[in-house]
C-alpha cells in the first residue's frame, strides 16, 4: 500500500507544477556580473529612449507594462523592456534579451 502512495505522489500535478525556490538569484549574484568598465549598466539604460508601452509584456520578467509604468526603455533594435529588467539583463549579457542585438557602451554614452 505504501508503494501506491509513493506512485500517487509522482503524479501529483500540484507538486509537479511547483518550482523549487532558487537558493540565490542569478540577477542578484555579483559573482556572475561582468566588469562594468567606466560606465554603469544603469547609466546605459538611463540614456536609452523612454517609451510608453500599454498592453504589451516585458519579455524578461513576463509582466505587462502598466499605463503608469515609468521606465520602459527601448534598445537600439527597437525592443522595449522595464528599465530594471534591462539593467539586470545587461549586467549579465551585452545584448538585447529578445533578438541578441549587441548593446555597446559607445551606442549610449555621450561624448
N, C-alpha and C. Protein backbone atom coordinates (compact mmCIF):
# COMPACT_ATOMS: atom_id res chain seq x y z
N UNK A 1 0.83 -1.19 0.00
CA UNK A 1 0.00 0.00 0.00
C UNK A 1 0.87 1.25 0.00
N UNK A 2 2.00 1.23 0.72
CA UNK A 2 2.86 2.40 0.77
C UNK A 2 3.48 2.69 -0.59
N UNK A 3 3.73 1.66 -1.42
CA UNK A 3 4.28 1.90 -2.75
C UNK A 3 3.25 2.60 -3.63
N UNK A 4 1.96 2.37 -3.39
CA UNK A 4 0.91 3.06 -4.13
C UNK A 4 0.89 4.54 -3.77
N UNK A 5 1.10 4.85 -2.53
CA UNK A 5 1.14 6.25 -2.09
C UNK A 5 2.29 6.99 -2.77
N UNK A 6 3.44 6.37 -2.84
CA UNK A 6 4.60 6.99 -3.48
C UNK A 6 4.33 7.19 -4.97
N UNK A 7 3.69 6.22 -5.60
CA UNK A 7 3.37 6.34 -7.01
C UNK A 7 2.37 7.46 -7.24
N UNK A 8 1.39 7.61 -6.35
CA UNK A 8 0.43 8.70 -6.45
C UNK A 8 1.12 10.05 -6.32
N UNK A 9 2.10 10.13 -5.44
CA UNK A 9 2.84 11.38 -5.26
C UNK A 9 3.59 11.76 -6.52
N UNK A 10 4.06 10.78 -7.28
CA UNK A 10 4.79 11.07 -8.51
C UNK A 10 3.91 11.75 -9.55
N UNK A 11 2.61 11.50 -9.51
CA UNK A 11 1.70 12.07 -10.48
C UNK A 11 0.85 13.20 -9.93
N UNK A 12 1.22 13.74 -8.81
CA UNK A 12 0.51 14.86 -8.21
C UNK A 12 0.84 16.13 -9.01
N UNK A 13 -0.15 16.68 -9.71
CA UNK A 13 0.08 17.85 -10.56
C UNK A 13 0.51 19.07 -9.77
N UNK A 14 -0.01 19.24 -8.58
CA UNK A 14 0.39 20.39 -7.76
C UNK A 14 1.88 20.34 -7.45
N UNK A 15 2.37 19.16 -7.15
CA UNK A 15 3.79 19.02 -6.85
C UNK A 15 4.63 19.15 -8.12
N UNK A 16 4.12 18.63 -9.24
CA UNK A 16 4.87 18.68 -10.49
C UNK A 16 4.97 20.10 -11.03
N UNK A 17 3.96 20.93 -10.81
CA UNK A 17 3.94 22.28 -11.35
C UNK A 17 4.58 23.30 -10.43
N UNK A 18 4.97 22.90 -9.25
CA UNK A 18 5.59 23.82 -8.30
C UNK A 18 7.09 23.81 -8.48
N UNK A 19 7.63 24.98 -8.79
CA UNK A 19 9.08 25.10 -8.97
C UNK A 19 9.73 25.34 -7.61
N UNK A 20 10.83 24.69 -7.33
CA UNK A 20 11.52 24.96 -6.06
C UNK A 20 12.12 26.36 -6.10
N UNK A 21 12.16 27.01 -4.96
CA UNK A 21 12.75 28.34 -4.86
C UNK A 21 14.25 28.25 -5.02
N UNK A 22 14.84 29.07 -5.88
CA UNK A 22 16.30 29.03 -6.02
C UNK A 22 16.97 29.55 -4.75
N UNK A 23 18.14 29.00 -4.46
CA UNK A 23 18.86 29.43 -3.26
C UNK A 23 19.37 30.84 -3.42
N UNK A 24 19.85 31.18 -4.61
CA UNK A 24 20.29 32.54 -4.90
C UNK A 24 19.79 32.93 -6.27
N UNK A 25 19.49 34.17 -6.43
CA UNK A 25 19.03 34.68 -7.72
C UNK A 25 20.24 35.03 -8.57
N UNK A 26 20.20 34.63 -9.83
CA UNK A 26 21.30 34.95 -10.74
C UNK A 26 21.40 36.45 -10.93
N UNK A 27 20.24 37.14 -10.95
CA UNK A 27 20.25 38.58 -11.17
C UNK A 27 20.87 39.34 -10.01
N UNK A 28 20.83 38.78 -8.81
CA UNK A 28 21.35 39.47 -7.65
C UNK A 28 22.72 38.95 -7.20
N UNK A 29 23.25 37.96 -7.90
CA UNK A 29 24.51 37.36 -7.50
C UNK A 29 25.65 38.07 -8.22
N UNK A 30 26.48 38.79 -7.49
CA UNK A 30 27.55 39.58 -8.08
C UNK A 30 28.63 38.73 -8.73
N UNK A 31 28.74 37.47 -8.39
CA UNK A 31 29.80 36.64 -8.97
C UNK A 31 29.58 36.38 -10.45
N UNK A 32 28.36 36.59 -10.96
CA UNK A 32 28.07 36.37 -12.37
C UNK A 32 28.23 37.64 -13.19
N UNK A 33 28.43 38.76 -12.57
CA UNK A 33 28.47 40.03 -13.29
C UNK A 33 29.79 40.23 -14.02
N UNK A 34 29.68 40.89 -15.18
CA UNK A 34 30.86 41.25 -15.95
C UNK A 34 31.41 42.56 -15.42
N UNK A 35 32.67 42.87 -15.67
CA UNK A 35 33.20 44.16 -15.26
C UNK A 35 32.44 45.30 -15.93
N UNK A 36 32.28 46.41 -15.24
CA UNK A 36 31.44 47.50 -15.74
C UNK A 36 32.18 48.55 -16.53
N UNK A 37 33.49 48.45 -16.65
CA UNK A 37 34.30 49.48 -17.31
C UNK A 37 34.07 50.80 -16.58
N UNK A 38 33.95 51.91 -17.33
CA UNK A 38 33.78 53.21 -16.70
C UNK A 38 32.32 53.61 -16.56
N UNK A 39 31.44 52.98 -17.32
CA UNK A 39 30.04 53.37 -17.34
C UNK A 39 29.21 52.23 -16.76
N UNK A 40 28.32 52.55 -15.84
CA UNK A 40 27.49 51.51 -15.23
C UNK A 40 26.35 51.11 -16.17
N UNK A 41 25.85 49.91 -15.99
CA UNK A 41 24.73 49.44 -16.80
C UNK A 41 23.50 50.28 -16.56
N UNK A 42 23.30 50.72 -15.33
CA UNK A 42 22.16 51.59 -15.02
C UNK A 42 22.25 52.89 -15.81
N UNK A 43 23.45 53.43 -15.97
CA UNK A 43 23.64 54.66 -16.74
C UNK A 43 23.33 54.42 -18.21
N UNK A 44 23.75 53.28 -18.75
CA UNK A 44 23.45 52.95 -20.15
C UNK A 44 21.95 52.90 -20.35
N UNK A 45 21.23 52.23 -19.45
CA UNK A 45 19.78 52.10 -19.57
C UNK A 45 19.11 53.46 -19.40
N UNK A 46 19.61 54.30 -18.48
CA UNK A 46 19.03 55.64 -18.30
C UNK A 46 19.11 56.47 -19.58
N UNK A 47 20.17 56.28 -20.35
CA UNK A 47 20.35 57.06 -21.57
C UNK A 47 19.58 56.51 -22.76
N UNK A 48 18.98 55.33 -22.63
CA UNK A 48 18.15 54.79 -23.71
C UNK A 48 16.84 55.55 -23.76
N UNK A 49 16.20 55.60 -24.94
CA UNK A 49 14.91 56.29 -25.04
C UNK A 49 13.85 55.66 -24.15
N UNK A 50 13.07 56.50 -23.48
CA UNK A 50 11.95 56.04 -22.66
C UNK A 50 10.69 56.10 -23.51
N UNK A 51 9.95 55.01 -23.54
CA UNK A 51 8.74 54.95 -24.35
C UNK A 51 7.58 54.49 -23.48
N UNK A 52 6.36 54.78 -23.92
CA UNK A 52 5.16 54.35 -23.20
C UNK A 52 4.66 53.08 -23.86
N UNK A 53 4.51 52.04 -23.07
CA UNK A 53 4.02 50.76 -23.57
C UNK A 53 2.79 50.37 -22.77
N UNK A 54 1.67 50.18 -23.45
CA UNK A 54 0.44 49.75 -22.80
C UNK A 54 -0.05 48.51 -23.53
N UNK A 55 -0.42 47.49 -22.78
CA UNK A 55 -0.96 46.28 -23.37
C UNK A 55 0.10 45.35 -23.93
N UNK A 56 1.33 45.57 -23.57
CA UNK A 56 2.42 44.72 -24.03
C UNK A 56 3.09 44.09 -22.81
N UNK A 57 3.99 43.16 -23.05
CA UNK A 57 4.64 42.42 -21.97
C UNK A 57 6.15 42.55 -22.08
N UNK A 58 6.81 42.75 -20.97
CA UNK A 58 8.27 42.73 -20.90
C UNK A 58 8.71 41.27 -21.00
N UNK A 59 9.52 40.93 -21.99
CA UNK A 59 9.89 39.53 -22.18
C UNK A 59 10.95 39.04 -21.21
N UNK A 60 11.50 39.92 -20.39
CA UNK A 60 12.46 39.49 -19.37
C UNK A 60 11.71 38.94 -18.17
N UNK A 61 10.74 39.72 -17.65
CA UNK A 61 10.01 39.30 -16.44
C UNK A 61 8.62 38.74 -16.74
N UNK A 62 8.17 38.89 -17.99
CA UNK A 62 6.85 38.43 -18.44
C UNK A 62 5.70 39.14 -17.74
N UNK A 63 5.94 40.35 -17.22
CA UNK A 63 4.88 41.15 -16.63
C UNK A 63 4.48 42.24 -17.61
N UNK A 64 3.22 42.64 -17.55
CA UNK A 64 2.73 43.64 -18.50
C UNK A 64 3.21 45.03 -18.11
N UNK A 65 3.27 45.89 -19.12
CA UNK A 65 3.56 47.29 -18.89
C UNK A 65 2.24 47.94 -18.47
N UNK A 66 2.23 48.59 -17.36
CA UNK A 66 1.02 49.26 -16.88
C UNK A 66 1.01 50.67 -17.44
N UNK A 67 -0.17 51.29 -17.51
CA UNK A 67 -0.27 52.63 -18.09
C UNK A 67 0.55 53.64 -17.32
N UNK A 68 0.75 53.39 -16.03
CA UNK A 68 1.55 54.33 -15.24
C UNK A 68 3.02 53.92 -15.16
N UNK A 69 3.41 52.92 -15.95
CA UNK A 69 4.79 52.44 -15.91
C UNK A 69 5.73 53.52 -16.39
N UNK A 70 6.66 53.86 -15.54
CA UNK A 70 7.72 54.78 -15.91
C UNK A 70 8.97 53.94 -16.04
N UNK A 71 9.67 54.12 -17.12
CA UNK A 71 10.92 53.40 -17.26
C UNK A 71 10.90 52.28 -18.26
N UNK A 72 9.95 52.28 -19.19
CA UNK A 72 10.01 51.32 -20.29
C UNK A 72 11.08 51.84 -21.25
N UNK A 73 12.16 51.09 -21.39
CA UNK A 73 13.31 51.55 -22.17
C UNK A 73 13.41 50.79 -23.48
N UNK A 74 13.76 51.53 -24.54
CA UNK A 74 13.86 50.95 -25.87
C UNK A 74 15.33 50.77 -26.26
N UNK A 75 15.69 49.55 -26.61
CA UNK A 75 17.04 49.23 -27.07
C UNK A 75 17.15 49.70 -28.52
N UNK A 76 18.35 49.87 -29.03
CA UNK A 76 18.57 50.36 -30.39
C UNK A 76 17.88 49.50 -31.45
N UNK A 77 17.66 48.23 -31.17
CA UNK A 77 16.98 47.34 -32.12
C UNK A 77 15.47 47.56 -32.14
N UNK A 78 14.94 48.31 -31.16
CA UNK A 78 13.52 48.62 -31.12
C UNK A 78 12.73 47.87 -30.06
N UNK A 79 13.30 46.87 -29.43
CA UNK A 79 12.59 46.13 -28.39
C UNK A 79 12.54 46.94 -27.10
N UNK A 80 11.47 46.75 -26.33
CA UNK A 80 11.22 47.55 -25.13
C UNK A 80 11.10 46.63 -23.92
N UNK A 81 11.71 47.08 -22.80
CA UNK A 81 11.72 46.30 -21.56
C UNK A 81 11.59 47.25 -20.38
N UNK A 82 11.21 46.71 -19.21
CA UNK A 82 11.27 47.51 -17.98
C UNK A 82 12.72 47.91 -17.76
N UNK A 83 12.94 49.11 -17.27
CA UNK A 83 14.32 49.58 -17.09
C UNK A 83 15.10 48.69 -16.12
N UNK A 84 14.46 48.28 -15.01
CA UNK A 84 15.17 47.44 -14.05
C UNK A 84 15.47 46.05 -14.62
N UNK A 85 14.58 45.53 -15.44
CA UNK A 85 14.82 44.23 -16.07
C UNK A 85 15.99 44.32 -17.04
N UNK A 86 16.02 45.40 -17.82
CA UNK A 86 17.09 45.59 -18.79
C UNK A 86 18.43 45.81 -18.10
N UNK A 87 18.43 46.55 -17.00
CA UNK A 87 19.67 46.77 -16.25
C UNK A 87 20.23 45.44 -15.74
N UNK A 88 19.36 44.62 -15.16
CA UNK A 88 19.80 43.31 -14.66
C UNK A 88 20.31 42.43 -15.80
N UNK A 89 19.60 42.45 -16.94
CA UNK A 89 20.00 41.63 -18.08
C UNK A 89 21.37 42.06 -18.61
N UNK A 90 21.55 43.38 -18.77
CA UNK A 90 22.81 43.88 -19.32
C UNK A 90 23.99 43.65 -18.38
N UNK A 91 23.72 43.48 -17.10
CA UNK A 91 24.81 43.17 -16.18
C UNK A 91 25.35 41.76 -16.41
N UNK A 92 24.55 40.93 -17.09
CA UNK A 92 24.96 39.56 -17.39
C UNK A 92 25.33 39.35 -18.86
N UNK A 93 24.67 40.10 -19.75
CA UNK A 93 24.85 39.92 -21.19
C UNK A 93 24.96 41.30 -21.83
N UNK A 94 25.63 41.39 -22.95
CA UNK A 94 25.73 42.69 -23.63
C UNK A 94 24.90 42.70 -24.91
N UNK A 95 23.68 42.16 -24.80
CA UNK A 95 22.82 42.06 -25.97
C UNK A 95 21.36 42.23 -25.57
N UNK A 96 20.52 42.48 -26.59
CA UNK A 96 19.07 42.57 -26.38
C UNK A 96 18.57 41.21 -25.89
N UNK A 97 17.71 41.17 -24.87
CA UNK A 97 17.20 39.89 -24.37
C UNK A 97 16.38 39.12 -25.40
N UNK A 98 15.82 39.82 -26.39
CA UNK A 98 14.93 39.17 -27.34
C UNK A 98 15.64 38.73 -28.62
N UNK A 99 16.39 39.63 -29.25
CA UNK A 99 16.99 39.32 -30.55
C UNK A 99 18.51 39.20 -30.50
N UNK A 100 19.13 39.45 -29.35
CA UNK A 100 20.58 39.37 -29.14
C UNK A 100 21.36 40.44 -29.91
N UNK A 101 20.70 41.54 -30.26
CA UNK A 101 21.38 42.68 -30.86
C UNK A 101 22.42 43.18 -29.87
N UNK A 102 23.67 43.36 -30.31
CA UNK A 102 24.75 43.79 -29.43
C UNK A 102 24.49 45.19 -28.88
N UNK A 103 24.55 45.34 -27.59
CA UNK A 103 24.44 46.64 -26.93
C UNK A 103 25.84 47.01 -26.48
N UNK A 104 26.36 48.09 -27.06
CA UNK A 104 27.71 48.51 -26.72
C UNK A 104 27.68 49.81 -25.95
N UNK A 105 28.73 50.06 -25.20
CA UNK A 105 28.82 51.29 -24.43
C UNK A 105 28.80 52.51 -25.33
N UNK A 106 29.43 52.43 -26.49
CA UNK A 106 29.52 53.59 -27.38
C UNK A 106 28.17 54.00 -27.95
N UNK A 107 27.21 53.08 -28.02
CA UNK A 107 25.88 53.42 -28.53
C UNK A 107 25.14 54.35 -27.58
N UNK A 108 25.47 54.31 -26.30
CA UNK A 108 24.66 55.01 -25.31
C UNK A 108 25.43 56.00 -24.46
N UNK A 109 26.69 56.20 -24.74
CA UNK A 109 27.44 57.17 -23.95
C UNK A 109 27.54 58.47 -24.71
N UNK A 110 27.47 59.55 -23.97
CA UNK A 110 27.56 60.87 -24.58
C UNK A 110 29.02 61.29 -24.66
N UNK A 111 29.35 61.93 -25.76
CA UNK A 111 30.73 62.40 -25.93
C UNK A 111 30.96 63.70 -25.24
